[in-house]
Amino acid sequence: MPSKSIYDKEFNGYDMDKAGFKLYGSRMPDRKKNGKEQSLAPGAVDALRNGTVIKSKNNIFQVTERIRKNCYKVERTGIPITQTYFMEIESVELPADAPQLKRYVFFLQNLRKQWNENTKHFLKLEDRGRVPGYYNYLITTMADLNLDDLRKSRLKTQFKPQTAMALSAQTLQAVHDVHLSHYIHRDIRPSNFFIGFAPNSNVIYVAGFSLAYKYFPSRKKAMQKDTKAQYSF
């Protein structure tokens, strides 16, 4: 099904062509199945144990902690100073219309070409690859809690008004910066925004680009289409 009809449905018939944009890609997965909300996280795989080693072409990482489903803290081994990173994994057997980490990889690879003041709200790509027959993985710089966990687990109450205003300003700026990179995130929610570690504890990072699509003004000539054909692990 063409993505234009999807966006027409999602935006109440808003004519994207008249607005000067074209969109590419397959149908966005339904959020509900049999009346129940579905997770849009990448395909689940068996949990990795602490100590599991992931070898890429240039690096060796070791799992140190499971954060939540499909998400881990890992350390790069074989270097003088221990560094901690964030790793997401997904099954290698995903349906074509499922959220996929390759969209996130492609987005971060594009950012490498234009890293500037408009990209401070994104985690940096450190490595990516595939364990054949098991899972794909994406490793980025580390951040602290996401806003959902921060409020529910650490604060256990609502944010103060001044904090909520500051968070709103930064999350809005982060989404704006996504659009400056000619992408639509399509999965905006508190659990996809993270607070940074010192000295960047006042910076909010946006993550979770497994549903992202590239868009561009229709008048521009040499532009890439959907990430599906552009990258594989």
C-alpha atoms as a PDB file:
ATOM      1  CA  MET A   1       0.000   0.000   0.000  1.00  0.00           C
ATOM      2  CA  PRO A   2       1.513   3.392  -0.935  1.00  0.00           C
ATOM      3  CA  SER A   3       2.664   5.418   2.053  1.00  0.00           C
ATOM      4  CA  LYS A   4       0.771   8.498   0.818  1.00  0.00           C
ATOM      5  CA  SER A   5      -2.550   6.863   1.659  1.00  0.00           C
ATOM      6  CA  ILE A   6      -1.246   5.996   5.112  1.00  0.00           C
ATOM      7  CA  TYR A   7      -0.316   9.576   5.850  1.00  0.00           C
ATOM      8  CA  ASP A   8      -3.583  10.852   4.401  1.00  0.00           C
ATOM      9  CA  LYS A   9      -5.370   8.601   6.893  1.00  0.00           C
ATOM     10  CA  GLU A  10      -3.150   9.584   9.815  1.00  0.00           C
ATOM     11  CA  PHE A  11      -3.394  13.306   9.110  1.00  0.00           C
ATOM     12  CA  ASN A  12      -7.126  13.430   8.264  1.00  0.00           C
ATOM     13  CA  GLY A  13      -6.739  13.813   4.524  1.00  0.00           C
ATOM     14  CA  TYR A  14      -3.901  16.367   4.623  1.00  0.00           C
ATOM     15  CA  ASP A  15      -2.580  16.552   1.057  1.00  0.00           C
ATOM     16  CA  MET A  16       1.169  15.946   1.280  1.00  0.00           C
ATOM     17  CA  ASP A  17       1.686  16.522  -2.463  1.00  0.00           C
ATOM     18  CA  LYS A  18       0.211  20.022  -2.288  1.00  0.00           C
ATOM     19  CA  ALA A  19       2.479  20.708   0.660  1.00  0.00           C
ATOM     20  CA  GLY A  20       5.461  19.879  -1.568  1.00  0.00           C
ATOM     21  CA  PHE A  21       6.488  16.601   0.059  1.00  0.00           C
ATOM     22  CA  LYS A  22       6.698  13.014  -1.091  1.00  0.00           C
ATOM     23  CA  LEU A  23       6.923  10.064   1.282  1.00  0.00           C
ATOM     24  CA  TYR A  24       8.274   6.603   0.645  1.00  0.00           C
ATOM     25  CA  GLY A  25       7.944   3.308   2.450  1.00  0.00           C
ATOM     26  CA  SER A  26       5.652   0.507   3.467  1.00  0.00           C
ATOM     27  CA  ARG A  27       2.651   0.629   5.764  1.00  0.00           C
ATOM     28  CA  MET A  28       3.229   1.582   9.381  1.00  0.00           C
ATOM     29  CA  PRO A  29       2.290  -1.359  11.675  1.00  0.00           C
ATOM     30  CA  ASP A  30      -1.029  -1.062  13.493  1.00  0.00           C
ATOM     31  CA  ARG A  31      -0.680  -0.048  17.127  1.00  0.00           C
ATOM     32  CA  LYS A  32      -3.624  -2.230  18.160  1.00  0.00           C
ATOM     33  CA  LYS A  33      -4.379  -5.899  17.553  1.00  0.00           C
ATOM     34  CA  ASN A  34      -7.602  -7.454  18.805  1.00  0.00           C
ATOM     35  CA  GLY A  35      -8.266  -4.228  20.673  1.00  0.00           C
ATOM     36  CA  LYS A  36      -4.980  -4.374  22.615  1.00  0.00           C
ATOM     37  CA  GLU A  37      -2.062  -1.947  22.343  1.00  0.00           C
ATOM     38  CA  GLN A  38       1.018  -3.433  20.684  1.00  0.00           C
ATOM     39  CA  SER A  39       4.636  -2.576  21.341  1.00  0.00           C
ATOM     40  CA  LEU A  40       6.437  -1.026  18.370  1.00  0.00           C
ATOM     41  CA  ALA A  41       9.847  -2.132  19.669  1.00  0.00           C
ATOM     42  CA  PRO A  42      12.041  -4.134  17.247  1.00  0.00           C
ATOM     43  CA  GLY A  43      11.448  -7.914  17.060  1.00  0.00           C
ATOM     44  CA  ALA A  44      12.046  -9.730  20.322  1.00  0.00           C
ATOM     45  CA  VAL A  45      14.854 -12.252  20.750  1.00  0.00           C
ATOM     46  CA  ASP A  46      15.979 -14.358  23.689  1.00  0.00           C
ATOM     47  CA  ALA A  47      17.571 -12.289  26.459  1.00  0.00           C
ATOM     48  CA  LEU A  48      21.372 -12.073  26.378  1.00  0.00           C
ATOM     49  CA  ARG A  49      23.260 -13.029  29.526  1.00  0.00           C
ATOM     50  CA  ASN A  50      25.752 -10.770  31.274  1.00  0.00           C
ATOM     51  CA  GLY A  51      29.180 -11.509  29.857  1.00  0.00           C
ATOM     52  CA  THR A  52      27.921 -12.259  26.342  1.00  0.00           C
ATOM     53  CA  VAL A  53      30.588 -11.132  23.851  1.00  0.00           C
ATOM     54  CA  ILE A  54      29.704  -9.342  20.604  1.00  0.00           C
ATOM     55  CA  LYS A  55      32.489  -9.160  18.027  1.00  0.00           C
ATOM     56  CA  SER A  56      32.299  -6.741  15.109  1.00  0.00           C
ATOM     57  CA  LYS A  57      34.872  -6.058  12.416  1.00  0.00           C
ATOM     58  CA  ASN A  58      36.773  -3.519  14.516  1.00  0.00           C
ATOM     59  CA  ASN A  59      35.505  -3.879  18.093  1.00  0.00           C
ATOM     60  CA  ILE A  60      34.677  -6.350  20.847  1.00  0.00           C
ATOM     61  CA  PHE A  61      31.834  -5.560  23.258  1.00  0.00           C
ATOM     62  CA  GLN A  62      30.657  -7.393  26.361  1.00  0.00           C
ATOM     63  CA  VAL A  63      27.142  -7.283  27.820  1.00  0.00           C
ATOM     64  CA  THR A  64      27.159  -5.958  31.400  1.00  0.00           C
ATOM     65  CA  GLU A  65      23.482  -5.333  32.149  1.00  0.00           C
ATOM     66  CA  ARG A  66      20.041  -5.831  30.648  1.00  0.00           C
ATOM     67  CA  ILE A  67      18.128  -2.533  30.744  1.00  0.00           C
ATOM     68  CA  ARG A  68      14.824  -3.748  29.333  1.00  0.00           C
ATOM     69  CA  LYS A  69      13.546  -5.956  26.526  1.00  0.00           C
ATOM     70  CA  ASN A  70      16.090  -5.998  23.660  1.00  0.00           C
ATOM     71  CA  CYS A  71      18.191  -3.221  25.286  1.00  0.00           C
ATOM     72  CA  TYR A  72      21.524  -3.623  27.083  1.00  0.00           C
ATOM     73  CA  LYS A  73      24.529  -1.862  28.538  1.00  0.00           C
ATOM     74  CA  VAL A  74      27.751  -3.060  26.939  1.00  0.00           C
ATOM     75  CA  GLU A  75      31.429  -2.278  27.464  1.00  0.00           C
ATOM     76  CA  ARG A  76      34.094  -2.073  24.791  1.00  0.00           C
ATOM     77  CA  THR A  77      36.916  -4.437  25.691  1.00  0.00           C
ATOM     78  CA  GLY A  78      40.598  -4.305  24.799  1.00  0.00           C
ATOM     79  CA  ILE A  79      41.025  -0.575  25.470  1.00  0.00           C
ATOM     80  CA  PRO A  80      42.819   1.128  28.406  1.00  0.00           C
ATOM     81  CA  ILE A  81      39.757   3.035  29.664  1.00  0.00           C
ATOM     82  CA  THR A  82      36.465   1.178  30.045  1.00  0.00           C
ATOM     83  CA  GLN A  83      33.649   2.813  28.093  1.00  0.00           C
ATOM     84  CA  THR A  84      29.958   1.965  28.417  1.00  0.00           C
ATOM     85  CA  TYR A  85      27.555   2.004  25.480  1.00  0.00           C
ATOM     86  CA  PHE A  86      23.900   1.358  24.736  1.00  0.00           C
ATOM     87  CA  MET A  87      22.972  -1.638  22.571  1.00  0.00           C
ATOM     88  CA  GLU A  88      19.654  -2.552  20.947  1.00  0.00           C
ATOM     89  CA  ILE A  89      19.041  -5.903  19.292  1.00  0.00           C
ATOM     90  CA  GLU A  90      16.317  -7.368  17.081  1.00  0.00           C
ATOM     91  CA  SER A  91      15.557 -10.722  15.515  1.00  0.00           C
ATOM     92  CA  VAL A  92      16.987 -11.321  12.047  1.00  0.00           C
ATOM     93  CA  GLU A  93      13.589 -12.700  11.024  1.00  0.00           C
ATOM     94  CA  LEU A  94      11.269  -9.704  10.946  1.00  0.00           C
ATOM     95  CA  PRO A  95       8.310  -9.093   8.613  1.00  0.00           C
ATOM     96  CA  ALA A  96       8.903  -6.419   5.991  1.00  0.00           C
ATOM     97  CA  ASP A  97       6.465  -3.968   7.603  1.00  0.00           C
ATOM     98  CA  ALA A  98       7.897  -4.285  11.136  1.00  0.00           C
ATOM     99  CA  PRO A  99       9.969  -1.568  12.825  1.00  0.00           C
ATOM    100  CA  GLN A 100      13.605  -2.281  12.001  1.00  0.00           C
ATOM    101  CA  LEU A 101      16.921  -1.126  13.431  1.00  0.00           C
ATOM    102  CA  LYS A 102      18.316  -0.593   9.933  1.00  0.00           C
ATOM    103  CA  ARG A 103      16.199   2.574   9.739  1.00  0.00           C
ATOM    104  CA  TYR A 104      17.923   3.826  12.896  1.00  0.00           C
ATOM    105  CA  VAL A 105      21.339   2.862  11.496  1.00  0.00           C
ATOM    106  CA  PHE A 106      20.686   4.658   8.221  1.00  0.00           C
ATOM    107  CA  PHE A 107      19.534   7.785  10.070  1.00  0.00           C
ATOM    108  CA  LEU A 108      22.670   7.869  12.262  1.00  0.00           C
ATOM    109  CA  GLN A 109      24.945   7.177   9.295  1.00  0.00           C
ATOM    110  CA  ASN A 110      23.468  10.187   7.507  1.00  0.00           C
ATOM    111  CA  LEU A 111      24.113  12.310  10.585  1.00  0.00           C
ATOM    112  CA  ARG A 112      27.807  11.448  10.491  1.00  0.00           C
ATOM    113  CA  LYS A 113      28.048  13.486   7.299  1.00  0.00           C
ATOM    114  CA  GLN A 114      26.516  16.599   8.899  1.00  0.00           C
ATOM    115  CA  TRP A 115      27.374  16.490  12.626  1.00  0.00           C
ATOM    116  CA  ASN A 116      26.900  20.049  13.915  1.00  0.00           C
ATOM    117  CA  GLU A 117      24.984  22.115  16.478  1.00  0.00           C
ATOM    118  CA  ASN A 118      21.710  20.733  15.095  1.00  0.00           C
ATOM    119  CA  THR A 119      22.622  17.153  16.038  1.00  0.00           C
ATOM    120  CA  LYS A 120      23.389  17.494  19.753  1.00  0.00           C
ATOM    121  CA  HIS A 121      20.096  15.765  20.663  1.00  0.00           C
ATOM    122  CA  PHE A 122      21.094  12.477  18.967  1.00  0.00           C
ATOM    123  CA  LEU A 123      23.175   9.589  20.295  1.00  0.00           C
ATOM    124  CA  LYS A 124      26.249   8.809  18.186  1.00  0.00           C
ATOM    125  CA  LEU A 125      26.559   5.555  16.270  1.00  0.00           C
ATOM    126  CA  GLU A 126      29.467   3.458  17.583  1.00  0.00           C
ATOM    127  CA  ASP A 127      28.942   0.136  15.797  1.00  0.00           C
ATOM    128  CA  ARG A 128      26.354  -2.118  14.187  1.00  0.00           C
ATOM    129  CA  GLY A 129      26.228  -5.617  12.791  1.00  0.00           C
ATOM    130  CA  ARG A 130      24.602  -9.031  12.766  1.00  0.00           C
ATOM    131  CA  VAL A 131      25.082 -12.280  14.639  1.00  0.00           C
ATOM    132  CA  PRO A 132      24.090 -14.624  11.762  1.00  0.00           C
ATOM    133  CA  GLY A 133      20.933 -16.577  12.439  1.00  0.00           C
ATOM    134  CA  TYR A 134      20.200 -14.759  15.699  1.00  0.00           C
ATOM    135  CA  TYR A 135      19.984 -10.975  15.865  1.00  0.00           C
ATOM    136  CA  ASN A 136      20.998  -7.602  14.459  1.00  0.00           C
ATOM    137  CA  TYR A 137      22.517  -5.090  16.855  1.00  0.00           C
ATOM    138  CA  LEU A 138      23.035  -1.343  17.059  1.00  0.00           C
ATOM    139  CA  ILE A 139      25.475   0.250  19.519  1.00  0.00           C
ATOM    140  CA  THR A 140      25.373   3.961  20.376  1.00  0.00           C
ATOM    141  CA  THR A 141      26.756   6.301  22.991  1.00  0.00           C
ATOM    142  CA  MET A 142      25.163   5.870  26.402  1.00  0.00           C
ATOM    143  CA  ALA A 143      22.448   7.975  28.019  1.00  0.00           C
ATOM    144  CA  ASP A 144      20.659   7.812  31.372  1.00  0.00           C
ATOM    145  CA  LEU A 145      16.970   7.071  32.029  1.00  0.00           C
ATOM    146  CA  ASN A 146      14.259   7.826  29.517  1.00  0.00           C
ATOM    147  CA  LEU A 147      11.611  10.347  30.574  1.00  0.00           C
ATOM    148  CA  ASP A 148       8.986   7.683  31.216  1.00  0.00           C
ATOM    149  CA  ASP A 149      11.225   5.679  33.573  1.00  0.00           C
ATOM    150  CA  LEU A 150      12.539   8.864  35.172  1.00  0.00           C
ATOM    151  CA  ARG A 151       9.068   9.973  36.181  1.00  0.00           C
ATOM    152  CA  LYS A 152       7.675   6.570  37.170  1.00  0.00           C
ATOM    153  CA  SER A 153      10.713   4.894  38.756  1.00  0.00           C
ATOM    154  CA  ARG A 154      12.857   7.668  40.185  1.00  0.00           C
ATOM    155  CA  LEU A 155      10.547  10.625  40.846  1.00  0.00           C
ATOM    156  CA  LYS A 156       7.354   8.597  41.347  1.00  0.00           C
ATOM    157  CA  THR A 157       5.369  11.784  40.827  1.00  0.00           C
ATOM    158  CA  GLN A 158       4.656  14.412  38.161  1.00  0.00           C
ATOM    159  CA  PHE A 159       7.371  16.780  36.951  1.00  0.00           C
ATOM    160  CA  LYS A 160       7.356  20.260  38.454  1.00  0.00           C
ATOM    161  CA  PRO A 161       5.961  22.908  36.066  1.00  0.00           C
ATOM    162  CA  GLN A 162       9.363  24.503  35.422  1.00  0.00           C
ATOM    163  CA  THR A 163      10.907  21.087  34.737  1.00  0.00           C
ATOM    164  CA  ALA A 164       8.055  20.146  32.407  1.00  0.00           C
ATOM    165  CA  MET A 165       8.549  23.412  30.489  1.00  0.00           C
ATOM    166  CA  ALA A 166      12.288  22.801  30.122  1.00  0.00           C
ATOM    167  CA  LEU A 167      11.697  19.225  28.972  1.00  0.00           C
ATOM    168  CA  SER A 168       9.043  20.372  26.506  1.00  0.00           C
ATOM    169  CA  ALA A 169      11.417  22.918  24.984  1.00  0.00           C
ATOM    170  CA  GLN A 170      14.218  20.389  24.518  1.00  0.00           C
ATOM    171  CA  THR A 171      12.049  17.555  23.215  1.00  0.00           C
ATOM    172  CA  LEU A 172      10.433  19.938  20.733  1.00  0.00           C
ATOM    173  CA  GLN A 173      13.887  21.100  19.629  1.00  0.00           C
ATOM    174  CA  ALA A 174      14.966  17.462  19.230  1.00  0.00           C
ATOM    175  CA  VAL A 175      11.970  16.683  17.000  1.00  0.00           C
ATOM    176  CA  HIS A 176      12.667  19.858  15.017  1.00  0.00           C
ATOM    177  CA  ASP A 177      16.263  18.696  14.490  1.00  0.00           C
ATOM    178  CA  VAL A 178      14.971  15.341  13.224  1.00  0.00           C
ATOM    179  CA  HIS A 179      12.941  17.229  10.618  1.00  0.00           C
ATOM    180  CA  LEU A 180      15.973  19.348   9.683  1.00  0.00           C
ATOM    181  CA  SER A 181      17.644  16.066   8.735  1.00  0.00           C
ATOM    182  CA  HIS A 182      14.691  15.330   6.386  1.00  0.00           C
ATOM    183  CA  TYR A 183      13.277  12.528   8.530  1.00  0.00           C
ATOM    184  CA  ILE A 184       9.963  11.849  10.257  1.00  0.00           C
ATOM    185  CA  HIS A 185      10.390   9.973  13.542  1.00  0.00           C
ATOM    186  CA  ARG A 186       6.849   8.460  13.731  1.00  0.00           C
ATOM    187  CA  ASP A 187       7.210   7.050  17.261  1.00  0.00           C
ATOM    188  CA  ILE A 188       7.295  10.091  19.544  1.00  0.00           C
ATOM    189  CA  ARG A 189       6.702   9.121  23.179  1.00  0.00           C
ATOM    190  CA  PRO A 190       8.404   9.749  26.562  1.00  0.00           C
ATOM    191  CA  SER A 191      10.276   6.428  26.498  1.00  0.00           C
ATOM    192  CA  ASN A 192      12.170   7.547  23.368  1.00  0.00           C
ATOM    193  CA  PHE A 193      13.646  10.638  25.041  1.00  0.00           C
ATOM    194  CA  PHE A 194      16.652  10.191  27.332  1.00  0.00           C
ATOM    195  CA  ILE A 195      18.520  12.437  29.738  1.00  0.00           C
ATOM    196  CA  GLY A 196      22.285  12.632  29.327  1.00  0.00           C
ATOM    197  CA  PHE A 197      25.104  11.812  31.732  1.00  0.00           C
ATOM    198  CA  ALA A 198      27.348  14.531  33.169  1.00  0.00           C
ATOM    199  CA  PRO A 199      28.620  16.829  31.731  1.00  0.00           C
ATOM    200  CA  ASN A 200      25.571  16.590  29.421  1.00  0.00           C
ATOM    201  CA  SER A 201      22.972  15.939  32.121  1.00  0.00           C
ATOM    202  CA  ASN A 202      20.992  18.967  30.932  1.00  0.00           C
ATOM    203  CA  VAL A 203      20.657  17.593  27.388  1.00  0.00           C
ATOM    204  CA  ILE A 204      17.688  15.527  26.186  1.00  0.00           C
ATOM    205  CA  TYR A 205      18.388  12.896  23.508  1.00  0.00           C
ATOM    206  CA  VAL A 206      15.844  11.433  21.105  1.00  0.00           C
ATOM    207  CA  ALA A 207      16.195   7.763  20.134  1.00  0.00           C
ATOM    208  CA  GLY A 208      14.048   4.927  18.772  1.00  0.00           C
ATOM    209  CA  PHE A 209      14.218   5.524  15.009  1.00  0.00           C
ATOM    210  CA  SER A 210      13.083   2.030  13.997  1.00  0.00           C
ATOM    211  CA  LEU A 211       9.990   3.540  12.335  1.00  0.00           C
ATOM    212  CA  ALA A 212      11.665   6.601  10.829  1.00  0.00           C
ATOM    213  CA  TYR A 213      11.201   7.594   7.191  1.00  0.00           C
ATOM    214  CA  LYS A 214      13.146   9.991   5.037  1.00  0.00           C
ATOM    215  CA  TYR A 215      11.133  12.747   3.347  1.00  0.00           C
ATOM    216  CA  PHE A 216      12.107  15.501   0.968  1.00  0.00           C
ATOM    217  CA  PRO A 217      10.662  18.379  -1.060  1.00  0.00           C
ATOM    218  CA  SER A 218       9.357  16.970  -4.341  1.00  0.00           C
ATOM    219  CA  ARG A 219      11.216  19.568  -6.410  1.00  0.00           C
ATOM    220  CA  LYS A 220      14.627  18.325  -5.331  1.00  0.00           C
ATOM    221  CA  LYS A 221      16.183  15.904  -7.809  1.00  0.00           C
ATOM    222  CA  ALA A 222      18.909  13.736  -6.311  1.00  0.00           C
ATOM    223  CA  MET A 223      17.422  12.362  -3.097  1.00  0.00           C
ATOM    224  CA  GLN A 224      17.390   8.863  -1.675  1.00  0.00           C
ATOM    225  CA  LYS A 225      14.142   7.007  -1.143  1.00  0.00           C
ATOM    226  CA  ASP A 226      13.228   4.662   1.692  1.00  0.00           C
ATOM    227  CA  THR A 227      15.832   3.076   3.934  1.00  0.00           C
ATOM    228  CA  LYS A 228      14.672  -0.439   3.000  1.00  0.00           C
ATOM    229  CA  ALA A 229      16.769  -0.513  -0.158  1.00  0.00           C
ATOM    230  CA  GLN A 230      19.651   1.516   1.252  1.00  0.00           C
ATOM    231  CA  TYR A 231      21.055  -0.519   4.118  1.00  0.00           C
ATOM    232  CA  SER A 232      21.254  -4.056   5.450  1.00  0.00           C
ATOM    233  CA  PHE A 233      23.285  -5.521   8.320  1.00  0.00           C
END
